[in-house]
Amino acid sequence: MRIQSAVIIAQGITFMVVSVPKLVLDDQQKVEQTITFFQSRWVGMPIALVTCDELGSPTAYYGPGDLALQLLRIPPTAVPWKDLSIP
């Protein structure tokens, strides 16, 4: 499985943001499963989720309040997205 993710350092906080389909954010159980999955691989790193439109612009964020606020302050073009391969 390939996903888009980015590690962001903002105001001294390092966290990972992962792009997910909207259907994930629409289901609280899927949100928690997704976050648990990524936290099990990047232990100790907070995880935020984002959905994007077809142009790559963020449409919704999910994560601890402080992370979501940090993401709102970062221009989408400044996010260092990378393809990540998950076995």
C-alpha atoms as a PDB file:
ATOM      1  CA  MET A   1       0.000   0.000   0.000  1.00  0.00           C
ATOM      2  CA  ARG A   2       1.279   3.483  -0.884  1.00  0.00           C
ATOM      3  CA  ILE A   3       0.218   6.589   0.992  1.00  0.00           C
ATOM      4  CA  GLN A   4       1.099  10.268   1.070  1.00  0.00           C
ATOM      5  CA  SER A   5       2.574  11.417   4.359  1.00  0.00           C
ATOM      6  CA  ALA A   6       4.725  14.173   5.743  1.00  0.00           C
ATOM      7  CA  VAL A   7       6.716  14.725   8.905  1.00  0.00           C
ATOM      8  CA  ILE A   8       6.232  18.263  10.111  1.00  0.00           C
ATOM      9  CA  ILE A   9       8.045  20.227  12.788  1.00  0.00           C
ATOM     10  CA  ALA A  10       6.039  23.227  13.928  1.00  0.00           C
ATOM     11  CA  GLN A  11       6.578  25.232  17.101  1.00  0.00           C
ATOM     12  CA  GLY A  12       8.879  22.554  18.477  1.00  0.00           C
ATOM     13  CA  ILE A  13       6.408  19.715  17.864  1.00  0.00           C
ATOM     14  CA  THR A  14       7.300  16.907  15.444  1.00  0.00           C
ATOM     15  CA  PHE A  15       4.345  14.984  14.047  1.00  0.00           C
ATOM     16  CA  MET A  16       3.267  12.966  11.033  1.00  0.00           C
ATOM     17  CA  VAL A  17       0.364  13.903   8.827  1.00  0.00           C
ATOM     18  CA  VAL A  18      -1.147  11.184   6.648  1.00  0.00           C
ATOM     19  CA  SER A  19      -3.466  11.746   3.702  1.00  0.00           C
ATOM     20  CA  VAL A  20      -6.497   9.452   3.873  1.00  0.00           C
ATOM     21  CA  PRO A  21      -9.721   9.086   1.873  1.00  0.00           C
ATOM     22  CA  LYS A  22     -12.709  11.079   3.132  1.00  0.00           C
ATOM     23  CA  LEU A  23     -14.510   7.851   4.037  1.00  0.00           C
ATOM     24  CA  VAL A  24     -11.897   7.280   6.760  1.00  0.00           C
ATOM     25  CA  LEU A  25     -12.605  10.635   8.420  1.00  0.00           C
ATOM     26  CA  ASP A  26     -16.339   9.993   8.132  1.00  0.00           C
ATOM     27  CA  ASP A  27     -16.062   6.922  10.390  1.00  0.00           C
ATOM     28  CA  GLN A  28     -14.712   7.390  13.936  1.00  0.00           C
ATOM     29  CA  GLN A  29     -13.761   3.703  14.207  1.00  0.00           C
ATOM     30  CA  LYS A  30     -11.716   3.899  10.986  1.00  0.00           C
ATOM     31  CA  VAL A  31     -10.060   7.099  12.235  1.00  0.00           C
ATOM     32  CA  GLU A  32      -8.946   5.421  15.446  1.00  0.00           C
ATOM     33  CA  GLN A  33      -7.798   2.264  13.631  1.00  0.00           C
ATOM     34  CA  THR A  34      -5.772   4.347  11.168  1.00  0.00           C
ATOM     35  CA  ILE A  35      -4.109   6.404  13.887  1.00  0.00           C
ATOM     36  CA  THR A  36      -3.359   3.271  15.928  1.00  0.00           C
ATOM     37  CA  PHE A  37      -1.848   1.618  12.844  1.00  0.00           C
ATOM     38  CA  PHE A  38       0.547   4.507  12.200  1.00  0.00           C
ATOM     39  CA  GLN A  39       1.402   5.059  15.855  1.00  0.00           C
ATOM     40  CA  SER A  40       2.402   1.394  16.125  1.00  0.00           C
ATOM     41  CA  ARG A  41       4.996   1.990  13.392  1.00  0.00           C
ATOM     42  CA  TRP A  42       6.183   5.438  14.450  1.00  0.00           C
ATOM     43  CA  VAL A  43       6.097   5.026  18.210  1.00  0.00           C
ATOM     44  CA  GLY A  44       5.880   8.271  20.104  1.00  0.00           C
ATOM     45  CA  MET A  45       5.130  10.409  17.052  1.00  0.00           C
ATOM     46  CA  PRO A  46       1.719  12.096  17.133  1.00  0.00           C
ATOM     47  CA  ILE A  47      -0.396  11.426  14.047  1.00  0.00           C
ATOM     48  CA  ALA A  48      -2.803  13.737  12.242  1.00  0.00           C
ATOM     49  CA  LEU A  49      -5.009  12.754   9.317  1.00  0.00           C
ATOM     50  CA  VAL A  50      -6.031  14.908   6.366  1.00  0.00           C
ATOM     51  CA  THR A  51      -8.318  14.502   3.385  1.00  0.00           C
ATOM     52  CA  CYS A  52      -7.631  16.417   0.195  1.00  0.00           C
ATOM     53  CA  ASP A  53      -9.665  17.323  -2.848  1.00  0.00           C
ATOM     54  CA  GLU A  54      -8.714  16.285  -6.362  1.00  0.00           C
ATOM     55  CA  LEU A  55      -6.310  19.243  -6.612  1.00  0.00           C
ATOM     56  CA  GLY A  56      -4.516  18.244  -3.416  1.00  0.00           C
ATOM     57  CA  SER A  57      -5.955  21.016  -1.256  1.00  0.00           C
ATOM     58  CA  PRO A  58      -6.825  19.943   2.299  1.00  0.00           C
ATOM     59  CA  THR A  59     -10.548  19.710   2.995  1.00  0.00           C
ATOM     60  CA  ALA A  60     -10.551  18.292   6.554  1.00  0.00           C
ATOM     61  CA  TYR A  61      -8.100  17.495   9.336  1.00  0.00           C
ATOM     62  CA  TYR A  62      -8.276  15.112  12.276  1.00  0.00           C
ATOM     63  CA  GLY A  63      -5.858  14.949  15.149  1.00  0.00           C
ATOM     64  CA  PRO A  64      -5.260  16.291  18.601  1.00  0.00           C
ATOM     65  CA  GLY A  65      -6.460  19.912  18.720  1.00  0.00           C
ATOM     66  CA  ASP A  66      -2.993  21.417  18.782  1.00  0.00           C
ATOM     67  CA  LEU A  67      -1.884  19.424  15.722  1.00  0.00           C
ATOM     68  CA  ALA A  68      -4.979  20.336  13.732  1.00  0.00           C
ATOM     69  CA  LEU A  69      -4.392  24.005  14.552  1.00  0.00           C
ATOM     70  CA  GLN A  70      -0.750  23.703  13.468  1.00  0.00           C
ATOM     71  CA  LEU A  71      -1.846  22.214  10.141  1.00  0.00           C
ATOM     72  CA  LEU A  72      -4.296  25.042   9.534  1.00  0.00           C
ATOM     73  CA  ARG A  73      -1.397  27.500   9.794  1.00  0.00           C
ATOM     74  CA  ILE A  74       0.794  25.713   7.253  1.00  0.00           C
ATOM     75  CA  PRO A  75       0.173  26.518   3.586  1.00  0.00           C
ATOM     76  CA  PRO A  76      -0.628  23.276   1.704  1.00  0.00           C
ATOM     77  CA  THR A  77       2.255  23.914  -0.704  1.00  0.00           C
ATOM     78  CA  ALA A  78       4.686  23.990   2.239  1.00  0.00           C
ATOM     79  CA  VAL A  79       3.826  20.453   3.395  1.00  0.00           C
ATOM     80  CA  PRO A  80       6.713  18.132   2.423  1.00  0.00           C
ATOM     81  CA  TRP A  81       4.575  15.239   1.102  1.00  0.00           C
ATOM     82  CA  LYS A  82       6.334  11.962   0.352  1.00  0.00           C
ATOM     83  CA  ASP A  83       5.106   8.630  -0.933  1.00  0.00           C
ATOM     84  CA  LEU A  84       5.371   6.018   1.781  1.00  0.00           C
ATOM     85  CA  SER A  85       5.175   2.283   1.146  1.00  0.00           C
ATOM     86  CA  ILE A  86       3.410   0.312   3.876  1.00  0.00           C
ATOM     87  CA  PRO A  87       3.750  -3.474   3.772  1.00  0.00           C
END
